[in-house]
N, C-alpha and C. Protein backbone atom coordinates (compact mmCIF):
# COMPACT_ATOMS: atom_id res chain seq x y z
N UNK A 1 2.44 -17.46 -0.13
CA UNK A 1 1.52 -16.15 -0.30
C UNK A 1 0.52 -16.32 -1.69
N UNK A 2 -0.80 -16.81 -1.35
CA UNK A 2 -1.57 -16.51 -2.50
C UNK A 2 -1.61 -15.26 -3.25
N UNK A 3 -1.39 -15.23 -4.41
CA UNK A 3 -1.29 -14.21 -5.38
C UNK A 3 -1.52 -14.52 -6.74
N UNK A 4 -1.37 -13.31 -7.42
CA UNK A 4 -1.55 -13.27 -8.74
C UNK A 4 -0.64 -12.45 -9.26
N UNK A 5 0.19 -13.13 -10.52
CA UNK A 5 1.20 -12.32 -11.11
C UNK A 5 0.96 -12.25 -12.56
N UNK A 6 1.14 -11.04 -13.12
CA UNK A 6 0.53 -10.51 -14.51
C UNK A 6 2.10 -10.07 -14.98
N UNK A 7 2.50 -10.33 -15.99
CA UNK A 7 3.78 -9.89 -16.45
C UNK A 7 3.58 -8.29 -17.03
N UNK A 8 4.51 -7.54 -17.21
CA UNK A 8 4.59 -6.23 -17.88
C UNK A 8 4.02 -6.28 -19.42
N UNK A 9 3.10 -5.53 -19.73
CA UNK A 9 2.88 -5.63 -21.63
C UNK A 9 3.97 -4.50 -21.98
N UNK A 10 4.89 -4.38 -21.41
CA UNK A 10 5.84 -3.08 -22.43
C UNK A 10 7.28 -3.29 -21.35
N UNK A 11 8.13 -2.72 -22.04
CA UNK A 11 9.71 -2.81 -21.12
C UNK A 11 9.51 -1.81 -20.56
N UNK A 12 10.35 -1.84 -19.16
CA UNK A 12 10.57 -0.42 -18.53
C UNK A 12 9.59 -0.20 -17.28
N UNK A 13 8.70 -1.29 -17.31
CA UNK A 13 7.41 -0.88 -16.60
C UNK A 13 7.69 -1.28 -15.04
N UNK A 14 7.19 -0.77 -14.10
CA UNK A 14 7.18 -1.14 -12.79
C UNK A 14 6.14 -2.19 -12.54
N UNK A 15 6.14 -2.89 -11.34
CA UNK A 15 5.47 -3.96 -10.73
C UNK A 15 4.22 -3.32 -9.71
N UNK A 16 3.12 -3.29 -9.81
CA UNK A 16 2.26 -2.97 -9.13
C UNK A 16 1.89 -4.02 -8.12
N UNK A 17 2.22 -3.59 -7.13
CA UNK A 17 2.08 -4.68 -5.70
C UNK A 17 0.51 -4.38 -5.10
N UNK A 18 -0.60 -5.30 -5.20
CA UNK A 18 -1.89 -4.81 -5.17
C UNK A 18 -2.16 -5.55 -3.64
N UNK A 19 -2.52 -4.68 -2.71
CA UNK A 19 -2.89 -5.24 -1.28
C UNK A 19 -4.19 -4.74 -0.85
N UNK A 20 -5.26 -5.95 -0.75
CA UNK A 20 -6.68 -5.61 -0.83
C UNK A 20 -6.99 -5.33 0.89
N UNK A 21 -8.18 -4.59 1.12
CA UNK A 21 -8.52 -4.24 2.44
C UNK A 21 -9.34 -5.50 3.30
N UNK A 22 -9.46 -5.42 4.11
CA UNK A 22 -10.43 -6.44 5.14
C UNK A 22 -11.34 -6.90 4.16
N UNK A 23 -11.33 -8.37 4.01
CA UNK A 23 -12.46 -9.17 3.64
C UNK A 23 -12.30 -9.29 2.22
N UNK A 24 -10.98 -8.64 1.68
CA UNK A 24 -10.93 -8.77 0.09
C UNK A 24 -10.36 -9.76 -0.33
N UNK A 25 -9.86 -9.65 -1.63
CA UNK A 25 -8.92 -11.22 -2.00
C UNK A 25 -7.99 -10.06 -2.99
N UNK A 26 -7.07 -11.32 -3.58
CA UNK A 26 -6.47 -10.87 -4.70
C UNK A 26 -6.89 -10.53 -6.08
N UNK A 27 -8.05 -10.86 -6.25
CA UNK A 27 -8.63 -10.01 -7.23
C UNK A 27 -9.33 -8.43 -7.61
N UNK A 28 -9.34 -7.91 -5.78
CA UNK A 28 -10.25 -6.97 -5.57
C UNK A 28 -9.64 -5.59 -6.30
N UNK A 29 -8.14 -5.57 -6.42
CA UNK A 29 -7.93 -3.91 -7.12
C UNK A 29 -7.16 -4.49 -8.26
N UNK A 30 -7.46 -5.53 -9.06
CA UNK A 30 -6.93 -5.58 -10.49
C UNK A 30 -7.77 -4.66 -11.32
N UNK A 31 -8.83 -4.22 -11.39
CA UNK A 31 -9.33 -3.18 -12.11
C UNK A 31 -8.80 -2.03 -12.02
N UNK A 32 -8.53 -1.51 -10.62
CA UNK A 32 -7.82 -0.28 -10.21
C UNK A 32 -6.42 -0.30 -10.72
N UNK A 33 -5.40 -1.47 -10.63
CA UNK A 33 -4.16 -1.57 -11.39
C UNK A 33 -4.37 -1.24 -12.83
N UNK A 34 -5.36 -2.02 -13.79
CA UNK A 34 -5.41 -1.65 -15.16
C UNK A 34 -5.94 -0.28 -15.46
N UNK A 35 -6.53 0.90 -14.70
CA UNK A 35 -6.74 1.82 -14.81
C UNK A 35 -5.63 2.57 -14.41
N UNK A 36 -4.92 2.27 -13.62
CA UNK A 36 -3.49 3.27 -12.92
C UNK A 36 -2.52 3.04 -14.19
N UNK A 37 -1.83 1.81 -14.39
CA UNK A 37 -0.93 1.64 -15.69
C UNK A 37 -1.29 0.62 -15.93
N UNK A 38 -2.41 -0.13 -17.39
CA UNK A 38 -2.55 -1.04 -18.11
C UNK A 38 -1.46 -2.04 -18.47
N UNK A 39 -0.26 -1.38 -18.43
CA UNK A 39 0.92 -2.05 -19.08
C UNK A 39 1.87 -2.53 -18.02
N UNK A 40 1.61 -2.30 -16.86
CA UNK A 40 2.58 -2.12 -15.58
C UNK A 40 2.29 -3.86 -15.29
N UNK A 41 3.29 -4.65 -14.98
CA UNK A 41 3.54 -6.08 -14.08
C UNK A 41 2.66 -5.64 -13.07
N UNK A 42 1.86 -6.79 -12.72
CA UNK A 42 0.82 -6.99 -11.19
C UNK A 42 1.30 -7.84 -10.60
N UNK A 43 1.43 -7.95 -9.25
CA UNK A 43 1.71 -8.68 -8.02
C UNK A 43 0.55 -8.29 -6.95
N UNK A 44 -0.37 -9.49 -7.39
CA UNK A 44 -1.50 -8.89 -6.20
C UNK A 44 -1.73 -10.08 -5.23
N UNK A 45 -1.90 -10.16 -4.07
CA UNK A 45 -1.61 -10.92 -2.55
C UNK A 45 -2.74 -10.81 -2.15
N UNK A 46 -3.16 -12.13 -1.26
CA UNK A 46 -3.62 -12.36 -0.49
C UNK A 46 -3.38 -12.37 0.83
N UNK A 47 -4.20 -11.55 1.96
CA UNK A 47 -3.79 -11.52 3.32
C UNK A 47 -4.01 -12.86 4.19
N UNK A 48 -2.70 -13.02 4.47
CA UNK A 48 -2.75 -14.59 5.34
C UNK A 48 -3.64 -14.98 6.49
N UNK A 49 -4.19 -13.92 7.23
CA UNK A 49 -4.67 -13.38 8.22
C UNK A 49 -6.14 -13.67 8.01
N UNK A 50 -7.13 -14.35 8.92
CA UNK A 50 -8.15 -14.46 8.91
C UNK A 50 -9.14 -13.79 10.10
N UNK A 51 -9.85 -12.89 10.05
CA UNK A 51 -10.83 -12.20 10.97
C UNK A 51 -12.15 -12.60 10.75
N UNK A 52 -12.81 -13.40 11.40
CA UNK A 52 -14.05 -13.60 11.00
C UNK A 52 -14.43 -14.23 9.55
N UNK A 53 -13.38 -15.25 9.15
CA UNK A 53 -13.24 -15.46 7.75
C UNK A 53 -12.88 -14.52 6.74
N UNK A 54 -12.55 -13.07 7.50
CA UNK A 54 -12.15 -11.94 6.10
C UNK A 54 -10.70 -11.98 5.97
N UNK A 55 -9.86 -12.39 4.94
CA UNK A 55 -8.85 -12.15 4.93
C UNK A 55 -8.15 -10.64 5.32
N UNK A 56 -7.10 -10.59 6.04
CA UNK A 56 -6.42 -9.55 6.37
C UNK A 56 -4.92 -9.72 6.44
N UNK A 57 -4.02 -8.86 6.23
CA UNK A 57 -2.83 -8.76 6.38
C UNK A 57 -2.07 -9.16 7.92
N UNK A 58 -2.66 -8.59 8.35
CA UNK A 58 -2.25 -8.43 10.15
C UNK A 58 -3.08 -8.52 11.29
N UNK A 59 -3.03 -9.03 12.08
CA UNK A 59 -4.05 -9.08 13.27
C UNK A 59 -4.12 -7.59 13.89
N UNK A 60 -5.74 -7.53 14.20
CA UNK A 60 -5.75 -6.08 15.22
C UNK A 60 -6.35 -6.86 16.47
N UNK A 61 -6.18 -5.75 17.44
CA UNK A 61 -6.96 -6.25 18.74
C UNK A 61 -8.20 -5.62 18.79
N UNK A 62 -8.65 -4.32 17.96
CA UNK A 62 -9.91 -3.92 18.20
C UNK A 62 -9.85 -2.95 16.69
N UNK A 63 -10.86 -2.18 16.23
CA UNK A 63 -11.12 -1.48 15.71
C UNK A 63 -10.19 -0.44 15.41
N UNK A 64 -9.16 -0.28 14.67
CA UNK A 64 -8.15 0.61 14.59
C UNK A 64 -6.68 0.65 15.54
N UNK A 65 -6.80 -0.69 16.28
CA UNK A 65 -5.97 -0.89 17.50
C UNK A 65 -5.24 -2.28 16.77
N UNK A 66 -3.84 -1.88 16.54
CA UNK A 66 -3.07 -2.95 15.31
C UNK A 66 -2.31 -3.88 16.78
N UNK A 67 -2.02 -5.28 16.19
CA UNK A 67 -1.38 -6.03 17.01
C UNK A 67 -0.05 -5.81 16.57
N UNK A 68 0.74 -5.04 17.13
CA UNK A 68 2.11 -4.72 16.63
C UNK A 68 3.02 -5.61 16.29
N UNK A 69 3.03 -6.64 17.22
CA UNK A 69 4.02 -7.69 17.08
C UNK A 69 3.55 -8.47 15.73
N UNK A 70 2.44 -8.65 15.46
CA UNK A 70 2.05 -9.17 14.26
C UNK A 70 2.49 -8.72 12.99
N UNK A 71 2.25 -7.21 13.21
CA UNK A 71 2.28 -6.36 12.14
C UNK A 71 3.56 -6.38 11.94
N UNK A 72 4.65 -6.49 12.83
CA UNK A 72 6.16 -6.52 12.24
C UNK A 72 6.41 -7.71 11.79
N UNK A 73 5.71 -9.04 12.06
CA UNK A 73 6.16 -10.18 11.63
C UNK A 73 5.58 -10.17 9.93
N UNK A 74 4.35 -9.58 10.06
CA UNK A 74 3.83 -9.84 8.82
C UNK A 74 4.35 -9.13 7.58
N UNK A 75 4.73 -7.97 7.98
CA UNK A 75 5.59 -6.90 7.25
C UNK A 75 6.57 -7.52 6.58
N UNK A 76 7.15 -8.27 7.54
CA UNK A 76 9.19 -8.73 7.65
C UNK A 76 8.70 -9.92 6.37
N UNK A 77 7.46 -10.87 6.85
CA UNK A 77 7.00 -12.01 5.33
C UNK A 77 6.59 -11.30 4.04
N UNK A 78 5.91 -10.15 4.06
CA UNK A 78 5.80 -9.63 2.76
C UNK A 78 6.79 -8.83 1.94
N UNK A 79 7.57 -8.75 2.82
CA UNK A 79 8.96 -8.10 2.31
C UNK A 79 9.78 -9.07 1.36
N UNK A 80 9.65 -9.99 2.68
CA UNK A 80 10.53 -11.31 1.66
C UNK A 80 10.09 -11.95 0.59
N UNK A 81 8.73 -12.02 0.68
CA UNK A 81 7.83 -12.45 -0.52
C UNK A 81 7.98 -11.87 -1.82
N UNK A 82 8.36 -10.75 -1.45
CA UNK A 82 8.13 -9.94 -2.63
C UNK A 82 9.87 -9.96 -3.24
N UNK A 83 10.63 -9.98 -2.55
CA UNK A 83 11.98 -10.24 -3.25
C UNK A 83 12.25 -11.93 -3.56
N UNK A 84 11.45 -12.64 -3.17
CA UNK A 84 11.25 -14.42 -3.72
C UNK A 84 10.37 -14.40 -4.88
N UNK A 85 9.41 -13.40 -5.08
CA UNK A 85 8.38 -13.09 -6.32
C UNK A 85 9.26 -12.66 -7.26
N UNK A 86 10.20 -11.72 -7.30
CA UNK A 86 11.13 -10.84 -8.05
C UNK A 86 11.70 -12.21 -8.84
N UNK A 87 12.59 -13.02 -7.73
CA UNK A 87 13.62 -14.31 -8.34
C UNK A 87 12.75 -14.82 -9.14
N UNK A 88 11.78 -15.59 -8.65
CA UNK A 88 10.71 -16.53 -9.56
C UNK A 88 10.22 -16.16 -10.70
N UNK A 89 9.65 -14.89 -10.58
CA UNK A 89 9.26 -14.30 -12.04
C UNK A 89 9.97 -13.29 -12.86
N UNK A 90 11.33 -12.97 -12.29
CA UNK A 90 12.15 -12.33 -13.07
C UNK A 90 12.03 -10.70 -13.52
N UNK A 91 11.32 -10.27 -11.98
CA UNK A 91 11.23 -8.68 -12.20
C UNK A 91 12.24 -8.04 -11.22
N UNK A 92 12.51 -6.67 -11.33
CA UNK A 92 13.22 -5.94 -10.75
C UNK A 92 12.72 -5.59 -9.37
N UNK A 93 13.35 -5.86 -8.18
CA UNK A 93 12.90 -5.67 -6.80
C UNK A 93 12.84 -4.49 -6.73
N UNK A 94 13.55 -3.55 -7.48
CA UNK A 94 13.89 -2.27 -7.10
C UNK A 94 12.46 -1.22 -8.07
N UNK A 95 11.80 -2.02 -8.78
CA UNK A 95 10.57 -1.61 -9.28
C UNK A 95 9.19 -1.90 -8.76
N UNK A 96 9.17 -1.79 -7.59
CA UNK A 96 8.01 -2.39 -6.90
C UNK A 96 7.08 -1.09 -6.59
N UNK A 97 6.07 -0.88 -7.05
CA UNK A 97 5.32 0.33 -6.31
C UNK A 97 3.50 -0.35 -5.51
N UNK A 98 3.51 -0.52 -4.53
CA UNK A 98 2.24 -0.55 -3.73
C UNK A 98 0.99 -0.05 -3.82
N UNK A 99 0.34 -0.41 -4.08
CA UNK A 99 -1.31 -0.16 -4.06
C UNK A 99 -2.17 -0.58 -3.25
N UNK A 100 -2.46 0.21 -2.11
CA UNK A 100 -2.88 -0.54 -1.21
C UNK A 100 -4.22 0.15 -0.55
N UNK A 101 -5.29 -0.68 -0.49
CA UNK A 101 -6.66 0.09 0.43
C UNK A 101 -6.79 -0.30 1.41
N UNK A 102 -6.83 0.33 2.82
CA UNK A 102 -7.38 -0.01 4.23
C UNK A 102 -6.42 -0.66 4.66
N UNK A 103 -6.67 -1.84 5.40
CA UNK A 103 -5.35 -2.82 5.67
C UNK A 103 -4.45 -2.87 4.63
N UNK A 104 -4.69 -3.08 3.61
CA UNK A 104 -3.35 -2.96 2.82
C UNK A 104 -2.57 -2.16 2.54
N UNK A 105 -3.29 -0.75 2.67
CA UNK A 105 -2.19 0.33 2.57
C UNK A 105 -1.31 0.66 3.87
N UNK A 106 -2.19 -0.19 5.03
CA UNK A 106 -1.82 0.20 6.46
C UNK A 106 -0.34 -0.91 6.43
N UNK A 107 -0.38 -2.09 5.76
CA UNK A 107 0.72 -3.07 5.63
C UNK A 107 1.84 -2.46 4.50
N UNK A 108 1.40 -1.72 3.74
CA UNK A 108 2.17 -1.41 2.56
C UNK A 108 3.18 0.05 3.21
N UNK A 109 2.09 0.70 4.25
CA UNK A 109 2.91 2.06 4.95
C UNK A 109 3.96 1.65 5.58
N UNK A 110 3.79 0.36 6.52
CA UNK A 110 4.76 -0.28 7.12
C UNK A 110 6.09 -0.75 6.63
N UNK A 111 5.79 -1.22 5.13
CA UNK A 111 7.15 -1.35 4.77
C UNK A 111 7.90 -0.53 4.73
N UNK A 112 7.32 0.75 4.29
CA UNK A 112 8.07 1.83 4.43
C UNK A 112 8.60 2.62 5.74
N UNK A 113 7.86 2.25 6.67
CA UNK A 113 8.45 2.25 8.18
C UNK A 113 9.62 1.46 8.25
N UNK A 114 9.46 0.37 7.91
CA UNK A 114 10.72 -0.56 8.44
C UNK A 114 11.66 -0.95 7.36
N UNK A 115 11.82 -0.57 5.90
CA UNK A 115 12.59 -0.85 5.25
C UNK A 115 13.32 0.25 4.14
N UNK A 116 14.44 0.43 4.31
CA UNK A 116 14.92 1.41 3.39
C UNK A 116 14.86 1.36 2.12
N UNK A 117 13.96 2.27 1.10
CA UNK A 117 13.85 2.17 -0.19
C UNK A 117 13.22 0.68 -0.94
N UNK A 118 12.38 0.07 0.47
CA UNK A 118 11.75 -0.82 -0.06
C UNK A 118 10.66 -1.12 -0.88
N UNK A 119 10.10 0.36 -1.37
CA UNK A 119 9.02 0.51 -2.69
C UNK A 119 9.71 1.65 -3.16
N UNK A 120 9.43 1.24 -4.62
CA UNK A 120 9.60 2.60 -5.62
C UNK A 120 9.02 3.66 -5.44
N UNK A 121 7.53 3.39 -4.83
CA UNK A 121 6.79 4.28 -4.61
C UNK A 121 5.46 3.82 -4.15
N UNK A 122 4.31 4.52 -3.37
CA UNK A 122 3.36 3.79 -2.56
C UNK A 122 1.71 4.82 -3.28
N UNK A 123 0.93 3.80 -3.48
CA UNK A 123 -0.88 4.42 -3.68
C UNK A 123 -1.11 4.07 -2.36
N UNK A 124 -1.77 4.77 -1.32
CA UNK A 124 -2.14 4.41 -0.12
C UNK A 124 -3.55 4.82 0.02
N UNK A 125 -4.55 4.10 -0.41
CA UNK A 125 -5.65 4.69 -0.24
C UNK A 125 -6.13 4.19 1.42
N UNK A 126 -6.70 5.17 2.00
CA UNK A 126 -7.38 5.47 3.50
C UNK A 126 -6.52 4.63 4.68
N UNK A 127 -5.26 5.41 4.53
CA UNK A 127 -4.30 4.18 5.39
C UNK A 127 -4.33 4.86 6.88
N UNK A 128 -3.77 4.16 7.91
CA UNK A 128 -3.27 4.81 9.47
C UNK A 128 -1.92 4.83 9.25
N UNK A 129 -1.78 5.18 10.85
CA UNK A 129 -0.09 4.93 11.22
C UNK A 129 0.03 3.67 11.47
N UNK A 130 1.17 3.02 10.70
CA UNK A 130 1.01 1.69 11.21
C UNK A 130 1.49 1.62 12.62
N UNK A 131 2.62 2.25 12.97
CA UNK A 131 3.42 2.34 14.04
C UNK A 131 3.63 3.57 14.72
N UNK A 132 3.76 3.88 16.04
CA UNK A 132 4.40 5.10 16.57
C UNK A 132 5.62 4.76 17.36
N UNK A 133 6.61 5.92 17.58
CA UNK A 133 7.73 5.46 18.61
C UNK A 133 8.62 4.88 17.97
N UNK A 134 8.80 5.01 16.27
CA UNK A 134 9.93 4.28 15.67
C UNK A 134 10.56 5.04 15.13
N UNK A 135 11.56 5.14 14.92
CA UNK A 135 12.50 5.95 13.50
C UNK A 135 12.64 5.17 12.44
N UNK A 136 11.94 6.14 11.23
CA UNK A 136 11.76 5.88 10.17
C UNK A 136 12.93 5.54 9.28
N UNK A 137 13.29 4.37 8.49
CA UNK A 137 14.52 4.27 7.53
C UNK A 137 14.39 5.57 6.63
N UNK A 138 15.14 5.92 5.83
CA UNK A 138 15.42 6.95 4.73
C UNK A 138 14.75 6.59 3.46
N UNK A 139 13.49 7.00 3.10
CA UNK A 139 12.78 7.03 2.02
C UNK A 139 13.11 8.31 1.05
N UNK A 140 14.03 8.56 0.93
CA UNK A 140 14.48 9.86 0.19
C UNK A 140 13.96 10.09 -1.37
N UNK A 141 13.39 11.06 -1.74
CA UNK A 141 12.63 11.02 -2.54
C UNK A 141 11.44 10.30 -3.32
N UNK A 142 11.14 8.94 -2.40
CA UNK A 142 10.12 8.08 -2.78
C UNK A 142 8.53 8.65 -2.79
N UNK A 143 8.24 8.77 -4.26
CA UNK A 143 6.71 9.05 -4.31
C UNK A 143 5.78 8.41 -3.74
N UNK A 144 4.91 9.29 -2.97
CA UNK A 144 3.83 8.66 -1.97
C UNK A 144 2.61 9.39 -2.26
N UNK A 145 1.54 8.87 -2.48
CA UNK A 145 0.00 9.13 -2.41
C UNK A 145 -0.91 8.68 -1.65
N UNK A 146 -1.29 9.70 -0.81
CA UNK A 146 -2.30 9.19 0.31
C UNK A 146 -3.75 9.47 0.01
N UNK A 147 -4.64 8.59 -0.30
CA UNK A 147 -6.03 9.08 -0.55
C UNK A 147 -6.55 8.87 0.76
N UNK A 148 -7.72 10.24 0.97
CA UNK A 148 -8.39 10.30 2.35
C UNK A 148 -9.37 10.88 2.66
N UNK A 149 -10.36 10.17 3.09
CA UNK A 149 -11.72 10.80 3.58
C UNK A 149 -11.91 11.73 4.51
N UNK A 150 -12.46 12.98 4.31
CA UNK A 150 -12.59 14.09 5.37
C UNK A 150 -13.72 13.46 6.54
N UNK A 151 -14.65 12.66 5.69
CA UNK A 151 -15.80 12.06 6.74
C UNK A 151 -14.97 10.53 7.25
N UNK A 152 -14.39 10.05 7.20
CA UNK A 152 -13.71 8.65 7.30
C UNK A 152 -13.90 8.22 8.64
N UNK A 153 -14.75 7.32 9.19
CA UNK A 153 -14.65 7.07 10.34
C UNK A 153 -13.98 6.09 10.66
N UNK A 154 -13.31 5.12 9.93
CA UNK A 154 -12.53 4.34 10.44
C UNK A 154 -10.68 4.74 10.57
N UNK A 155 -10.83 5.65 9.53
CA UNK A 155 -9.20 6.63 9.50
C UNK A 155 -9.50 7.89 9.54
N UNK A 156 -9.50 8.36 10.68
CA UNK A 156 -9.86 9.76 11.13
C UNK A 156 -8.71 10.89 10.41
N UNK A 157 -9.27 12.17 10.14
CA UNK A 157 -8.20 13.16 9.43
C UNK A 157 -6.62 12.93 9.88
N UNK A 158 -6.66 12.79 11.51
CA UNK A 158 -5.66 13.20 11.81
C UNK A 158 -4.73 12.17 11.60
N UNK A 159 -5.02 10.78 11.45
CA UNK A 159 -4.10 9.57 11.02
C UNK A 159 -3.75 10.30 9.56
N UNK A 160 -4.14 10.51 8.58
CA UNK A 160 -3.57 11.00 7.08
C UNK A 160 -2.71 11.66 7.57
N UNK A 161 -2.90 12.94 8.38
CA UNK A 161 -2.17 13.84 8.20
C UNK A 161 -0.83 13.65 8.84
N UNK A 162 -1.11 12.85 10.20
CA UNK A 162 0.54 12.52 10.90
C UNK A 162 1.58 11.46 10.30
N UNK A 163 0.69 10.56 9.15
CA UNK A 163 1.25 9.70 8.43
C UNK A 163 2.11 10.53 7.13
N UNK A 164 1.42 11.45 6.84
CA UNK A 164 2.30 12.34 5.81
C UNK A 164 3.31 13.08 6.31
N UNK A 165 2.75 13.72 7.72
CA UNK A 165 4.21 14.14 8.57
C UNK A 165 5.65 13.08 8.85
N UNK A 166 5.17 11.94 8.93
CA UNK A 166 5.85 10.55 9.53
C UNK A 166 7.11 10.80 7.92
N UNK A 167 6.18 10.22 7.01
CA UNK A 167 6.47 10.13 5.91
C UNK A 167 8.00 11.20 5.38
N UNK A 168 7.13 12.11 5.17
CA UNK A 168 7.58 13.62 4.94
C UNK A 168 9.10 13.49 5.61
N UNK A 169 9.03 13.64 6.91
CA UNK A 169 10.17 13.28 7.53
C UNK A 169 11.07 12.31 7.37
N UNK A 170 11.05 11.77 6.70
CA UNK A 170 12.01 10.28 6.19
C UNK A 170 12.37 10.34 4.97
N UNK A 171 11.53 11.67 3.97
CA UNK A 171 12.33 12.09 3.25
C UNK A 171 11.42 11.83 1.50
N UNK A 172 10.43 11.21 2.28
CA UNK A 172 9.30 10.81 0.91
C UNK A 172 8.62 12.09 0.63
N UNK A 173 8.29 12.25 -0.83
CA UNK A 173 7.71 13.16 -1.54
C UNK A 173 6.23 13.03 -1.48
N UNK A 174 5.15 13.18 -0.54
CA UNK A 174 4.11 12.59 -0.18
C UNK A 174 3.07 13.98 -1.13
N UNK A 175 1.96 12.84 -1.37
CA UNK A 175 0.91 13.99 -2.03
C UNK A 175 -0.50 13.56 -1.24
N UNK A 176 -1.12 14.07 -0.39
CA UNK A 176 -2.19 13.87 0.36
C UNK A 176 -3.41 14.56 -0.74
N UNK A 177 -4.43 13.51 -0.78
CA UNK A 177 -5.56 13.93 -1.88
C UNK A 177 -6.43 13.60 -0.65
N UNK A 178 -7.66 14.75 -0.49
CA UNK A 178 -8.79 14.52 0.11
C UNK A 178 -10.39 14.38 -0.80
N UNK A 179 -10.89 13.33 0.09
CA UNK A 179 -12.49 13.22 -0.59
C UNK A 179 -13.20 13.55 0.45
N UNK A 180 -14.45 14.10 0.07
CA UNK A 180 -15.43 14.72 0.89
C UNK A 180 -16.47 13.00 1.36
N UNK A 181 -15.47 12.14 1.71
CA UNK A 181 -16.55 10.85 1.70
C UNK A 181 -15.71 9.90 3.10
N UNK A 182 -16.47 8.94 3.07
CA UNK A 182 -16.05 8.15 4.04
C UNK A 182 -14.71 7.23 4.01
N UNK A 183 -14.86 5.96 4.29
CA UNK A 183 -13.87 5.09 4.07
C UNK A 183 -14.01 4.24 2.61
N UNK A 184 -15.10 4.69 2.32
CA UNK A 184 -15.10 4.01 0.84
C UNK A 184 -14.18 4.65 -0.24
N UNK A 185 -13.76 3.96 -1.33
CA UNK A 185 -12.56 3.85 -2.51
C UNK A 185 -13.78 4.56 -3.33
N UNK A 186 -13.31 5.73 -3.99
CA UNK A 186 -14.34 6.26 -5.09
C UNK A 186 -13.60 6.35 -6.21
N UNK A 187 -14.78 6.83 -7.46
CA UNK A 187 -13.34 6.72 -8.68
C UNK A 187 -13.31 7.93 -8.78
N UNK A 188 -13.61 8.92 -8.19
CA UNK A 188 -12.83 10.13 -8.31
C UNK A 188 -10.93 10.00 -7.49
N UNK A 189 -11.15 9.42 -6.50
CA UNK A 189 -10.08 9.38 -5.45
C UNK A 189 -8.99 8.27 -6.55
N UNK A 190 -9.49 7.04 -7.32
CA UNK A 190 -8.73 6.42 -8.05
C UNK A 190 -8.51 7.37 -9.31
N UNK A 191 -9.05 7.97 -9.91
CA UNK A 191 -8.56 8.84 -10.71
C UNK A 191 -7.43 9.74 -10.54
N UNK A 192 -7.65 10.68 -9.19
CA UNK A 192 -6.73 11.44 -9.05
C UNK A 192 -5.30 10.48 -8.79
N UNK A 193 -5.49 9.43 -8.45
CA UNK A 193 -4.10 8.79 -8.07
C UNK A 193 -3.48 8.21 -9.60
N UNK A 194 -4.12 7.94 -9.93
CA UNK A 194 -4.08 7.46 -11.55
C UNK A 194 -3.12 8.65 -12.27
N UNK A 195 -3.56 9.56 -11.69
CA UNK A 195 -3.21 11.30 -12.43
C UNK A 195 -1.67 11.50 -11.94
N UNK A 196 -1.67 11.28 -10.65
CA UNK A 196 -0.36 11.47 -9.56
C UNK A 196 0.53 10.46 -10.45
N UNK A 197 0.13 9.30 -10.47
CA UNK A 197 1.11 8.21 -10.76
C UNK A 197 1.99 8.70 -12.31
N UNK A 198 0.69 9.17 -13.14
CA UNK A 198 1.69 9.23 -14.44
C UNK A 198 2.58 10.69 -14.35
N UNK A 199 2.61 11.26 -13.27
CA UNK A 199 3.43 12.44 -13.46
C UNK A 199 4.66 12.34 -12.60
N UNK A 200 4.61 10.99 -11.76
CA UNK A 200 5.41 10.73 -10.59
C UNK A 200 6.24 9.83 -11.30
N UNK A 201 6.19 8.70 -12.26
CA UNK A 201 6.42 7.80 -12.75
C UNK A 201 6.77 8.07 -14.31
């Protein structure tokens, strides 16, 4: 997977796994990582699926309709890649915190849906429920921030609420933050995520 790795600037810092939205690249969320924790290590990944030339992390059949088979395969690939990166770069696999936006938030959420303790925590900006009708593995005490827009045309309010309930049902400690905006990622939402991060970690 095409990616950027930046080592931590201080001991004991986690690794921020950056996962961009549709049409983004591994460069997109680097400023957000610096804002959240400038001393953390960074592993920023580019999605390997192209939709009309735009990188994504998995295919979709239509707006809001995921190709579930591809989602499962790509999630498995990403989980394996994180493990390989941990070996290659010498970081602790158990210290990975995902920071994802839109499509990137969806695959990060599916890591939590598929693998027990796959992430130390997650910041999910404008995610949807990745899969329904599946039994989630235990995510006891895993801190999760969900940023959502009350007027988001792509991720309706019900998606954020259902995702919150599902993750809480698996034992995660979820904080749901609302913005009175659409699907865009605002400065106030990023600031709220940073404040949550400092309290959670």
